[in-house]
Amino acid sequence: MRKKITFILLLFFIKIIHPMSLFANSIALIPLYNGEQIHDEILKSCEYMVKEGFFASRRLYPLTFPERLNIKEFIKSEDYGQLKIVAKNYGASSLCLLQLNFDKGVYSLTIKIIDAGSDYLSKDEEKIITATLPSNLSLKGGRFIAERFSRTKLLSTTKSQGGILTINAGQWHGLEIGEYRTNRGLVKVTSVDRFFSKIVGGDINKDDKLEFDLYADTSQFIKNINKKINENTARFYSQEEQLNKRRGSAKESIIATCVINQGANFCLPGYGSFLSMDYLGIKKGECDVSGALAIATITALHFLLPLHINDYKINFFPWIKDNDKENRDQRLQYFLWATIPLTFSVSYYNQLSYNYHKQNLLPPLFSMPDETAAVISIFIPGGGMFYKGYRFAGWSFYLSELSLGGYAFYNWDSRKGKMAASALVILKAFEIGLSYYMTPSYSVFQREIASDKKEPLVSFNLYPEEKGIAIAFGVTEFF
């Protein structure tokens, strides 16, 4: 009885205070507060960003119910039937319930969209968004709404008033005076208000559903949100704040790679990279033993390979040429000695990547991971892949480029050397592009930036074959 009286009072309030002369395609936002300050503040920021998502997508105009409309009883009992009646009388054609939960360090935002007669919805929808950072949760909520309705054409219902056709879509939805293609043929918009327009033309009857070949452009809105999510995630999970208190994360990364790491590896090849990680703020790290041993072995090959292929008859130092040392042997020695710093750099990035995965951390400058990875790949073979957490791919590029480079220098006087150099250039360009487009593999990053939108999936693998190694590269587009 009490719920029935409340419902009648709500309708009375709406009829007097808020007449039904509102636009049809709108959505009422209903955040489910629980009275806890932190919970309600986070939910309030989520409501704000969800509202911004609706504004960006220009399909359902967001409304907020006044606090005087006590609708908690309907929500608790999940009496959506009466809730829909309240929404319709208030001028909303749909509802959006926002509920916040926190469990085991992860925030979850449940967005439940309830259809109450909207042109854009055929059934109720529910989406659960998760994040460990509250600031990212609200951003992801707004991004979901923008992505959800950016794929929807502009829809409207026609009404005839005095022989003039009016539709419930206007400037706010992106309409301007002019001609548009619709499911009822070519129509001309003759007059535009904020939420209504007058049209002529087309095979249109009263109460027809008109579908315009028009989409909302939310790309810049989503791009800005993704940028903020990256910045928030990098600020929380990386050591960037600590490095910025010194010379800045960029300079400190260069010093660590080119000075600290090089000196440590000169003393202890491979293991020196593990000892150098402390400079970039990684405490109590774990050594990748197999990587350290591989680097120690490759470092020995830098010095001994030219000697070994000549039965140790040539002089150890590249700049000393004896009777047994041919020009190609000397070129190979110069190349191998000159690329030792690159090997030490690869060793460092391998140890860093290994520990970033282990400790759920992110590298410096990760607010722009794609650009940073591409730049690193220019100077360090496989460096961009290590930076994004793909250690196997990083090792593959490094070994392939080092082998091609050595082969090109050794056979430079022949056609084979020129071909190897050309292959190296192509492989390097491919590595730089792949480093830019690959999504970082770190679990904390993927969890924070996870989107409902299906981006193209880029894959890269190496397969052993009888006469060598096959490189497989693929791009999968979702439809």
Protein backbone atom coordinates (compact mmCIF):
# COMPACT_ATOMS: atom_id res chain seq x y z
CA MET A 1 0.00 0.00 0.00
CA ARG A 2 2.83 2.37 0.95
CA LYS A 3 4.67 1.69 -2.34
CA LYS A 4 1.45 2.37 -4.29
CA ILE A 5 0.92 5.72 -2.54
CA THR A 6 4.55 6.66 -3.23
CA PHE A 7 4.11 5.80 -6.90
CA ILE A 8 0.95 7.96 -7.20
CA LEU A 9 2.72 10.89 -5.51
CA LEU A 10 5.64 10.55 -7.93
CA LEU A 11 3.36 10.73 -10.93
CA PHE A 12 1.54 13.72 -9.44
CA PHE A 13 4.84 15.50 -8.88
CA ILE A 14 5.97 14.79 -12.44
CA LYS A 15 2.68 15.91 -14.01
CA ILE A 16 2.74 19.26 -12.19
CA ILE A 17 6.45 20.06 -12.13
CA HIS A 18 7.76 18.29 -15.19
CA PRO A 19 5.26 18.11 -18.08
CA MET A 20 5.59 15.51 -20.79
CA SER A 21 6.56 18.00 -23.50
CA LEU A 22 10.12 16.69 -23.51
CA PHE A 23 12.09 15.03 -26.29
CA ALA A 24 11.56 11.28 -26.69
CA ASN A 25 15.12 9.91 -26.93
CA SER A 26 16.60 10.67 -23.54
CA ILE A 27 18.01 8.60 -20.69
CA ALA A 28 17.72 9.14 -16.94
CA LEU A 29 20.97 8.50 -15.01
CA ILE A 30 20.39 6.87 -11.62
CA PRO A 31 23.54 6.36 -9.52
CA LEU A 32 22.94 3.98 -6.60
CA TYR A 33 24.62 5.75 -3.69
CA ASN A 34 25.05 3.94 -0.36
CA GLY A 35 25.93 6.87 1.91
CA GLU A 36 29.67 6.09 2.24
CA GLN A 37 31.71 9.14 1.33
CA ILE A 38 34.46 7.47 -0.71
CA HIS A 39 32.00 5.15 -2.49
CA ASP A 40 29.65 7.99 -3.38
CA GLU A 41 32.46 10.28 -4.58
CA ILE A 42 33.78 7.61 -6.94
CA LEU A 43 30.27 6.86 -8.18
CA LYS A 44 29.63 10.57 -8.71
CA SER A 45 32.71 10.81 -10.95
CA CYS A 46 31.48 7.72 -12.83
CA GLU A 47 28.09 9.35 -13.34
CA TYR A 48 29.79 12.48 -14.70
CA MET A 49 31.89 10.55 -17.24
CA VAL A 50 28.95 8.36 -18.31
CA LYS A 51 27.00 11.56 -18.91
CA GLU A 52 29.92 12.90 -20.97
CA GLY A 53 29.84 9.66 -22.98
CA PHE A 54 26.18 10.20 -23.81
CA PHE A 55 26.89 13.81 -24.79
CA ALA A 56 29.74 12.68 -27.05
CA SER A 57 27.68 9.96 -28.76
CA ARG A 58 24.70 12.32 -29.37
CA ARG A 59 22.00 9.68 -29.28
CA LEU A 60 20.34 9.58 -25.84
CA TYR A 61 20.22 12.89 -24.00
CA PRO A 62 21.19 12.33 -20.32
CA LEU A 63 18.83 13.50 -17.58
CA THR A 64 19.19 13.39 -13.81
CA PHE A 65 16.21 12.65 -11.60
CA PRO A 66 15.71 15.20 -8.78
CA GLU A 67 16.51 13.83 -5.33
CA ARG A 68 12.89 14.52 -4.36
CA LEU A 69 11.85 11.66 -6.63
CA ASN A 70 12.27 8.81 -4.19
CA ILE A 71 12.67 5.82 -6.48
CA LYS A 72 14.87 3.66 -4.24
CA GLU A 73 11.97 1.35 -3.37
CA PHE A 74 11.44 0.46 -7.04
CA ILE A 75 15.17 -0.16 -7.54
CA LYS A 76 15.54 -2.35 -4.46
CA SER A 77 12.59 -4.50 -5.47
CA GLU A 78 13.74 -4.41 -9.12
CA ASP A 79 10.27 -3.19 -10.03
CA TYR A 80 11.39 -1.84 -13.38
CA GLY A 81 7.83 -1.71 -14.72
CA GLN A 82 6.78 1.14 -12.46
CA LEU A 83 10.25 2.68 -12.80
CA LYS A 84 9.73 2.85 -16.57
CA ILE A 85 6.39 4.59 -16.06
CA VAL A 86 8.07 7.19 -13.85
CA ALA A 87 10.79 7.66 -16.48
CA LYS A 88 8.27 8.14 -19.30
CA ASN A 89 6.26 10.67 -17.34
CA TYR A 90 9.45 12.50 -16.47
CA GLY A 91 10.38 12.67 -20.16
CA ALA A 92 12.95 9.87 -20.39
CA SER A 93 12.69 7.00 -22.85
CA SER A 94 15.29 4.88 -21.03
CA LEU A 95 17.11 4.56 -17.72
CA CYS A 96 20.75 4.00 -16.81
CA LEU A 97 21.43 2.49 -13.38
CA LEU A 98 24.99 2.89 -12.09
CA GLN A 99 26.18 0.60 -9.29
CA LEU A 100 29.67 0.58 -7.79
CA ASN A 101 31.32 -2.37 -6.03
CA PHE A 102 34.77 -3.05 -4.61
CA ASP A 103 36.22 -6.52 -4.11
CA LYS A 104 39.81 -7.76 -3.64
CA GLY A 105 41.40 -4.50 -4.76
CA VAL A 106 39.30 -4.18 -7.92
CA TYR A 107 36.52 -1.64 -8.51
CA SER A 108 33.60 -2.66 -10.71
CA LEU A 109 30.98 -0.40 -12.23
CA THR A 110 27.75 -2.04 -13.36
CA ILE A 111 25.94 -0.06 -16.06
CA LYS A 112 22.39 -1.29 -16.57
CA ILE A 113 20.48 0.37 -19.40
CA ILE A 114 16.71 -0.19 -19.25
CA ASP A 115 14.54 0.46 -22.30
CA ALA A 116 11.37 2.45 -21.69
CA GLY A 117 10.38 3.17 -25.29
CA SER A 118 13.58 4.53 -26.84
CA ASP A 119 14.21 4.41 -30.58
CA TYR A 120 17.75 3.17 -29.89
CA LEU A 121 17.08 0.21 -27.61
CA SER A 122 15.24 -3.02 -28.25
CA LYS A 123 16.07 -4.70 -24.94
CA ASP A 124 17.72 -4.03 -21.58
CA GLU A 125 21.51 -4.09 -21.55
CA GLU A 126 24.08 -4.60 -18.82
CA LYS A 127 27.84 -4.05 -18.81
CA ILE A 128 30.34 -4.56 -15.97
CA ILE A 129 33.50 -2.47 -16.15
CA THR A 130 36.49 -3.14 -13.89
CA ALA A 131 39.63 -1.23 -12.92
CA THR A 132 42.02 -1.05 -9.99
CA LEU A 133 42.22 2.74 -10.20
CA PRO A 134 39.00 4.73 -9.48
CA SER A 135 40.05 7.45 -11.94
CA ASN A 136 40.28 4.86 -14.71
CA LEU A 137 36.94 3.31 -13.79
CA SER A 138 35.03 6.51 -14.46
CA LEU A 139 36.94 7.11 -17.71
CA LYS A 140 36.21 3.58 -18.91
CA GLY A 141 32.53 4.08 -18.10
CA GLY A 142 32.38 7.14 -20.33
CA ARG A 143 34.35 5.37 -23.05
CA PHE A 144 31.98 2.39 -23.03
CA ILE A 145 28.95 4.61 -23.59
CA ALA A 146 30.69 6.53 -26.39
CA GLU A 147 31.76 3.29 -28.11
CA ARG A 148 28.38 1.65 -27.64
CA PHE A 149 26.36 4.41 -29.34
CA SER A 150 28.95 5.64 -31.87
CA ARG A 151 28.14 2.55 -33.93
CA THR A 152 24.43 3.50 -34.03
CA LYS A 153 22.83 5.48 -36.83
CA LEU A 154 20.69 8.49 -35.99
CA LEU A 155 17.10 7.32 -35.42
CA SER A 156 13.96 9.36 -34.98
CA THR A 157 10.18 9.14 -34.93
CA THR A 158 8.08 11.32 -37.26
CA LYS A 159 5.06 13.31 -36.14
CA SER A 160 2.65 15.21 -38.36
CA GLN A 161 1.56 18.63 -37.14
CA GLY A 162 -0.64 20.61 -39.50
CA GLY A 163 0.66 18.72 -42.49
CA ILE A 164 4.29 19.37 -41.50
CA LEU A 165 6.49 16.43 -40.60
CA THR A 166 8.52 16.82 -37.41
CA ILE A 167 11.17 14.46 -36.06
CA ASN A 168 12.56 14.17 -32.55
CA ALA A 169 16.18 14.85 -33.62
CA GLY A 170 17.89 18.18 -34.02
CA GLN A 171 21.11 20.14 -33.62
CA TRP A 172 22.13 18.23 -30.51
CA HIS A 173 22.05 14.99 -32.50
CA GLY A 174 24.22 16.46 -35.27
CA LEU A 175 21.53 17.46 -37.76
CA GLU A 176 21.83 20.59 -39.91
CA ILE A 177 19.69 22.09 -42.65
CA GLY A 178 20.27 20.05 -45.80
CA GLU A 179 19.60 16.72 -47.48
CA TYR A 180 20.19 13.32 -45.86
CA ARG A 181 19.93 9.71 -46.98
CA THR A 182 17.50 7.68 -44.88
CA ASN A 183 15.76 4.32 -44.93
CA ARG A 184 12.76 6.18 -46.44
CA GLY A 185 14.70 7.79 -49.24
CA LEU A 186 16.25 11.21 -49.56
CA VAL A 187 14.81 13.75 -47.09
CA LYS A 188 15.49 17.43 -46.65
CA VAL A 189 15.77 19.07 -43.24
CA THR A 190 14.19 22.51 -43.62
CA SER A 191 14.27 23.73 -40.02
CA VAL A 192 16.38 22.66 -37.06
CA ASP A 193 15.77 23.20 -33.34
CA ARG A 194 17.93 21.79 -30.56
CA PHE A 195 15.99 18.53 -30.25
CA PHE A 196 13.44 18.71 -33.09
CA SER A 197 13.56 19.26 -36.86
CA LYS A 198 11.13 19.74 -39.72
CA ILE A 199 11.58 17.66 -42.84
CA VAL A 200 10.14 17.22 -46.34
CA GLY A 201 10.57 14.54 -48.98
CA GLY A 202 10.96 10.79 -48.74
CA ASP A 203 8.27 8.14 -48.53
CA ILE A 204 7.29 8.97 -44.94
CA ASN A 205 4.10 8.45 -43.00
CA LYS A 206 3.09 9.54 -39.54
CA ASP A 207 4.85 7.68 -36.69
CA ASP A 208 7.41 6.17 -39.06
CA LYS A 209 10.84 5.30 -37.69
CA LEU A 210 13.34 7.30 -39.70
CA GLU A 211 16.96 6.08 -39.88
CA PHE A 212 19.53 8.62 -41.00
CA ASP A 213 22.82 7.49 -42.54
CA LEU A 214 24.62 9.52 -39.90
CA TYR A 215 26.99 8.44 -37.12
CA ALA A 216 28.38 10.38 -34.19
CA ASP A 217 32.12 11.05 -34.35
CA THR A 218 33.43 10.04 -30.91
CA SER A 219 37.00 9.34 -32.02
CA GLN A 220 38.54 12.42 -30.38
CA PHE A 221 36.57 11.87 -27.17
CA ILE A 222 37.74 8.23 -26.97
CA LYS A 223 41.31 9.19 -27.91
CA ASN A 224 41.44 11.72 -25.06
CA ILE A 225 40.05 9.16 -22.62
CA ASN A 226 42.60 6.53 -23.68
CA LYS A 227 45.38 9.06 -23.24
CA LYS A 228 44.20 9.87 -19.70
CA ILE A 229 43.91 6.17 -18.85
CA ASN A 230 47.46 5.59 -20.07
CA GLU A 231 48.73 8.53 -18.01
CA ASN A 232 46.92 7.38 -14.86
CA THR A 233 48.13 3.80 -15.27
CA ALA A 234 51.73 4.81 -15.98
CA ARG A 235 51.77 7.21 -13.03
CA PHE A 236 50.55 4.54 -10.62
CA TYR A 237 52.42 1.43 -11.80
CA SER A 238 55.73 2.84 -13.05
CA GLN A 239 58.67 4.43 -11.23
CA GLU A 240 58.25 7.59 -13.29
CA GLU A 241 57.43 9.86 -10.35
CA GLN A 242 60.61 8.76 -8.56
CA LEU A 243 62.73 9.28 -11.70
CA ASN A 244 61.21 12.70 -12.37
CA LYS A 245 62.49 13.87 -9.00
CA ARG A 246 66.00 13.34 -10.39
CA ARG A 247 66.80 14.33 -13.99
CA GLY A 248 63.51 13.14 -15.45
CA SER A 249 62.45 9.67 -16.53
CA ALA A 250 63.75 10.06 -20.11
CA LYS A 251 67.24 11.19 -19.11
CA GLU A 252 67.46 8.67 -16.28
CA SER A 253 66.49 5.85 -18.66
CA ILE A 254 69.21 6.91 -21.12
CA ILE A 255 71.81 7.14 -18.34
CA ALA A 256 70.80 3.74 -16.99
CA THR A 257 71.00 2.10 -20.43
CA CYS A 258 74.08 3.83 -21.85
CA VAL A 259 76.24 4.38 -18.75
CA ILE A 260 75.28 2.34 -15.68
CA ASN A 261 74.33 -0.82 -17.56
CA GLN A 262 77.29 -0.66 -19.95
CA GLY A 263 79.80 -0.38 -17.11
CA ALA A 264 78.18 -3.19 -15.13
CA ASN A 265 78.14 -5.51 -18.15
CA PHE A 266 81.75 -4.71 -18.95
CA CYS A 267 82.60 -6.19 -15.54
CA LEU A 268 79.96 -8.96 -15.48
CA PRO A 269 78.43 -9.62 -18.93
CA GLY A 270 74.75 -10.50 -18.56
CA TYR A 271 74.57 -10.37 -14.78
CA GLY A 272 75.59 -6.72 -14.79
CA SER A 273 72.22 -5.81 -16.31
CA PHE A 274 70.44 -7.36 -13.34
CA LEU A 275 72.59 -5.32 -10.95
CA SER A 276 71.81 -2.13 -12.89
CA MET A 277 68.03 -2.37 -12.48
CA ASP A 278 68.13 -0.74 -9.06
CA TYR A 279 69.01 2.57 -10.74
CA LEU A 280 65.55 2.64 -12.36
CA GLY A 281 63.80 1.92 -9.06
CA ILE A 282 63.30 -1.84 -9.26
CA LYS A 283 63.94 -3.14 -5.77
CA LYS A 284 64.38 -6.81 -4.83
CA GLY A 285 64.42 -7.86 -8.44
CA GLU A 286 64.82 -11.39 -9.75
CA CYS A 287 67.55 -12.26 -12.25
CA ASP A 288 66.58 -13.90 -15.52
CA VAL A 289 69.36 -16.48 -15.34
CA SER A 290 68.83 -17.92 -18.82
CA GLY A 291 68.95 -14.43 -20.31
CA ALA A 292 72.11 -13.57 -18.41
CA LEU A 293 73.81 -16.78 -19.57
CA ALA A 294 72.73 -16.14 -23.16
CA ILE A 295 74.20 -12.64 -23.09
CA ALA A 296 77.46 -13.91 -21.57
CA THR A 297 77.72 -16.48 -24.38
CA ILE A 298 76.90 -13.94 -27.10
CA THR A 299 79.42 -11.49 -25.63
CA ALA A 300 82.10 -14.17 -25.95
CA LEU A 301 81.06 -14.72 -29.58
CA HIS A 302 81.51 -11.00 -30.27
CA PHE A 303 85.22 -11.47 -29.52
CA LEU A 304 85.89 -15.06 -30.60
CA LEU A 305 83.73 -15.73 -33.69
CA PRO A 306 86.15 -14.19 -36.26
CA LEU A 307 89.03 -16.04 -34.59
CA HIS A 308 87.13 -19.33 -34.57
CA ILE A 309 86.26 -19.28 -38.28
CA ASN A 310 89.96 -18.68 -39.01
CA ASP A 311 91.21 -21.43 -36.67
CA TYR A 312 92.51 -18.74 -34.26
CA LYS A 313 95.27 -17.72 -36.69
CA ILE A 314 94.30 -14.02 -36.96
CA ASN A 315 95.10 -11.25 -34.50
CA PHE A 316 92.58 -10.71 -31.68
CA PHE A 317 92.32 -6.91 -32.15
CA PRO A 318 90.34 -5.58 -35.15
CA TRP A 319 92.71 -2.70 -35.90
CA ILE A 320 95.75 -4.98 -36.25
CA LYS A 321 95.84 -6.68 -39.63
CA ASP A 322 98.19 -9.60 -40.22
CA ASN A 323 98.89 -11.82 -43.21
CA ASP A 324 96.12 -14.29 -42.26
CA LYS A 325 93.41 -11.62 -41.74
CA GLU A 326 91.40 -10.85 -44.87
CA ASN A 327 89.44 -7.65 -45.37
CA ARG A 328 86.15 -9.42 -44.69
CA ASP A 329 87.51 -10.84 -41.41
CA GLN A 330 88.54 -7.39 -40.30
CA ARG A 331 85.15 -5.92 -41.25
CA LEU A 332 83.40 -8.63 -39.25
CA GLN A 333 85.62 -7.94 -36.24
CA TYR A 334 84.87 -4.22 -36.36
CA PHE A 335 81.14 -4.93 -36.61
CA LEU A 336 81.10 -7.39 -33.70
CA TRP A 337 83.16 -5.16 -31.43
CA ALA A 338 81.08 -2.09 -32.32
CA THR A 339 77.78 -3.84 -31.54
CA ILE A 340 78.79 -5.03 -28.04
CA PRO A 341 76.99 -2.00 -26.45
CA LEU A 342 73.82 -3.04 -28.31
CA THR A 343 74.10 -6.54 -26.86
CA PHE A 344 74.51 -5.10 -23.37
CA SER A 345 71.45 -2.87 -23.99
CA VAL A 346 69.39 -5.87 -25.08
CA SER A 347 70.52 -7.65 -21.92
CA TYR A 348 69.30 -4.71 -19.83
CA TYR A 349 65.88 -4.47 -21.49
CA ASN A 350 65.41 -8.22 -21.16
CA GLN A 351 66.06 -8.10 -17.41
CA LEU A 352 63.78 -5.06 -17.02
CA SER A 353 60.95 -6.69 -18.97
CA TYR A 354 61.30 -9.89 -16.97
CA ASN A 355 60.97 -8.01 -13.68
CA TYR A 356 58.19 -5.71 -14.85
CA HIS A 357 56.11 -8.84 -15.47
CA LYS A 358 57.11 -10.37 -12.15
CA GLN A 359 56.40 -7.29 -10.02
CA ASN A 360 53.38 -5.92 -11.93
CA LEU A 361 55.21 -2.72 -12.84
CA LEU A 362 55.44 -0.63 -15.99
CA PRO A 363 58.51 0.91 -17.68
CA PRO A 364 59.21 4.66 -17.60
CA LEU A 365 57.51 6.91 -20.17
CA PHE A 366 54.59 4.49 -20.45
CA SER A 367 52.05 7.27 -20.84
CA MET A 368 53.13 7.13 -24.53
CA PRO A 369 54.04 3.44 -24.91
CA ASP A 370 53.72 3.25 -28.70
CA GLU A 371 55.91 6.23 -29.51
CA THR A 372 58.50 5.27 -26.89
CA ALA A 373 58.70 1.67 -28.11
CA ALA A 374 59.20 2.80 -31.71
CA VAL A 375 62.02 5.17 -30.74
CA ILE A 376 63.76 2.48 -28.67
CA SER A 377 63.54 0.04 -31.59
CA ILE A 378 65.40 2.51 -33.82
CA PHE A 379 68.49 2.29 -31.62
CA ILE A 380 68.26 -1.13 -29.94
CA PRO A 381 67.49 -4.35 -31.89
CA GLY A 382 64.26 -5.74 -30.44
CA GLY A 383 64.23 -2.98 -27.82
CA GLY A 384 60.66 -1.86 -28.47
CA MET A 385 59.36 -5.40 -28.10
CA PHE A 386 61.23 -5.84 -24.81
CA TYR A 387 59.83 -2.47 -23.69
CA LYS A 388 56.26 -3.67 -24.31
CA GLY A 389 56.89 -6.99 -22.57
CA TYR A 390 57.35 -9.31 -25.58
CA ARG A 391 60.67 -10.87 -24.61
CA PHE A 392 60.60 -13.75 -27.12
CA ALA A 393 59.93 -11.38 -30.01
CA GLY A 394 62.63 -9.04 -28.69
CA TRP A 395 65.21 -11.83 -28.67
CA SER A 396 64.11 -12.92 -32.16
CA PHE A 397 64.57 -9.47 -33.66
CA TYR A 398 67.90 -8.95 -31.89
CA LEU A 399 69.41 -12.25 -33.05
CA SER A 400 68.03 -11.86 -36.57
CA GLU A 401 69.33 -8.31 -37.00
CA LEU A 402 72.71 -9.11 -35.45
CA SER A 403 73.11 -12.12 -37.77
CA LEU A 404 72.05 -10.20 -40.88
CA GLY A 405 74.32 -7.30 -40.00
CA GLY A 406 77.31 -9.57 -39.45
CA TYR A 407 76.64 -11.47 -42.66
CA ALA A 408 76.30 -8.22 -44.62
CA PHE A 409 79.61 -6.85 -43.33
CA TYR A 410 81.42 -10.14 -43.88
CA ASN A 411 80.19 -10.48 -47.48
CA TRP A 412 79.98 -6.80 -48.40
CA ASP A 413 82.08 -7.28 -51.52
CA SER A 414 79.58 -9.74 -52.96
CA ARG A 415 75.92 -9.58 -54.01
CA LYS A 416 74.98 -11.67 -50.97
CA GLY A 417 76.21 -8.93 -48.64
CA LYS A 418 74.12 -6.27 -50.37
CA MET A 419 71.04 -8.50 -50.22
CA ALA A 420 71.61 -9.15 -46.51
CA ALA A 421 71.88 -5.40 -45.90
CA SER A 422 68.61 -4.82 -47.76
CA ALA A 423 66.91 -7.56 -45.74
CA LEU A 424 68.22 -5.93 -42.56
CA VAL A 425 66.70 -2.57 -43.51
CA ILE A 426 63.33 -4.20 -44.26
CA LEU A 427 63.40 -6.19 -41.02
CA LYS A 428 64.31 -3.06 -39.03
CA ALA A 429 61.42 -1.10 -40.53
CA PHE A 430 59.09 -3.99 -39.79
CA GLU A 431 60.30 -4.15 -36.19
CA ILE A 432 59.76 -0.42 -35.64
CA GLY A 433 56.22 -0.61 -37.03
CA LEU A 434 55.37 -3.70 -35.03
CA SER A 435 56.77 -2.16 -31.85
CA TYR A 436 54.47 0.81 -32.37
CA TYR A 437 51.27 -1.11 -33.10
CA MET A 438 51.54 -4.03 -30.67
CA THR A 439 49.50 -3.61 -27.48
CA PRO A 440 51.74 -3.90 -24.38
CA SER A 441 51.58 -7.37 -22.86
CA TYR A 442 51.79 -6.35 -19.19
CA SER A 443 48.74 -7.68 -17.36
CA VAL A 444 48.25 -4.57 -15.21
CA PHE A 445 48.21 -2.38 -18.31
CA GLN A 446 45.83 -4.62 -20.24
CA ARG A 447 43.43 -4.77 -17.27
CA GLU A 448 43.36 -1.00 -16.89
CA ILE A 449 42.91 -0.12 -20.56
CA ALA A 450 40.60 -3.03 -21.45
CA SER A 451 37.88 -1.84 -23.83
CA ASP A 452 34.62 -3.31 -25.09
CA LYS A 453 35.67 -2.26 -28.56
CA LYS A 454 37.48 -4.94 -30.57
CA GLU A 455 40.72 -3.46 -31.90
CA PRO A 456 42.70 -5.20 -34.68
CA LEU A 457 44.79 -8.00 -33.20
CA VAL A 458 48.43 -7.98 -34.34
CA SER A 459 50.38 -11.23 -34.00
CA PHE A 460 53.99 -12.19 -34.63
CA ASN A 461 55.62 -15.61 -34.36
CA LEU A 462 58.68 -17.53 -35.45
CA TYR A 463 58.42 -21.16 -36.56
CA PRO A 464 61.41 -23.50 -37.02
CA GLU A 465 61.66 -25.22 -40.39
CA GLU A 466 64.08 -27.70 -41.95
CA LYS A 467 66.09 -25.04 -43.76
CA GLY A 468 65.75 -22.18 -41.32
CA ILE A 469 63.10 -20.12 -39.52
CA ALA A 470 59.73 -18.97 -40.89
CA ILE A 471 58.44 -15.55 -39.80
CA ALA A 472 54.65 -15.28 -39.50
CA PHE A 473 52.91 -11.93 -39.16
CA GLY A 474 49.14 -11.45 -39.04
CA VAL A 475 46.47 -8.84 -38.42
CA THR A 476 42.99 -9.96 -37.35
CA GLU A 477 40.11 -7.52 -37.74
CA PHE A 478 36.88 -8.11 -35.77
CA PHE A 479 33.49 -7.56 -37.47
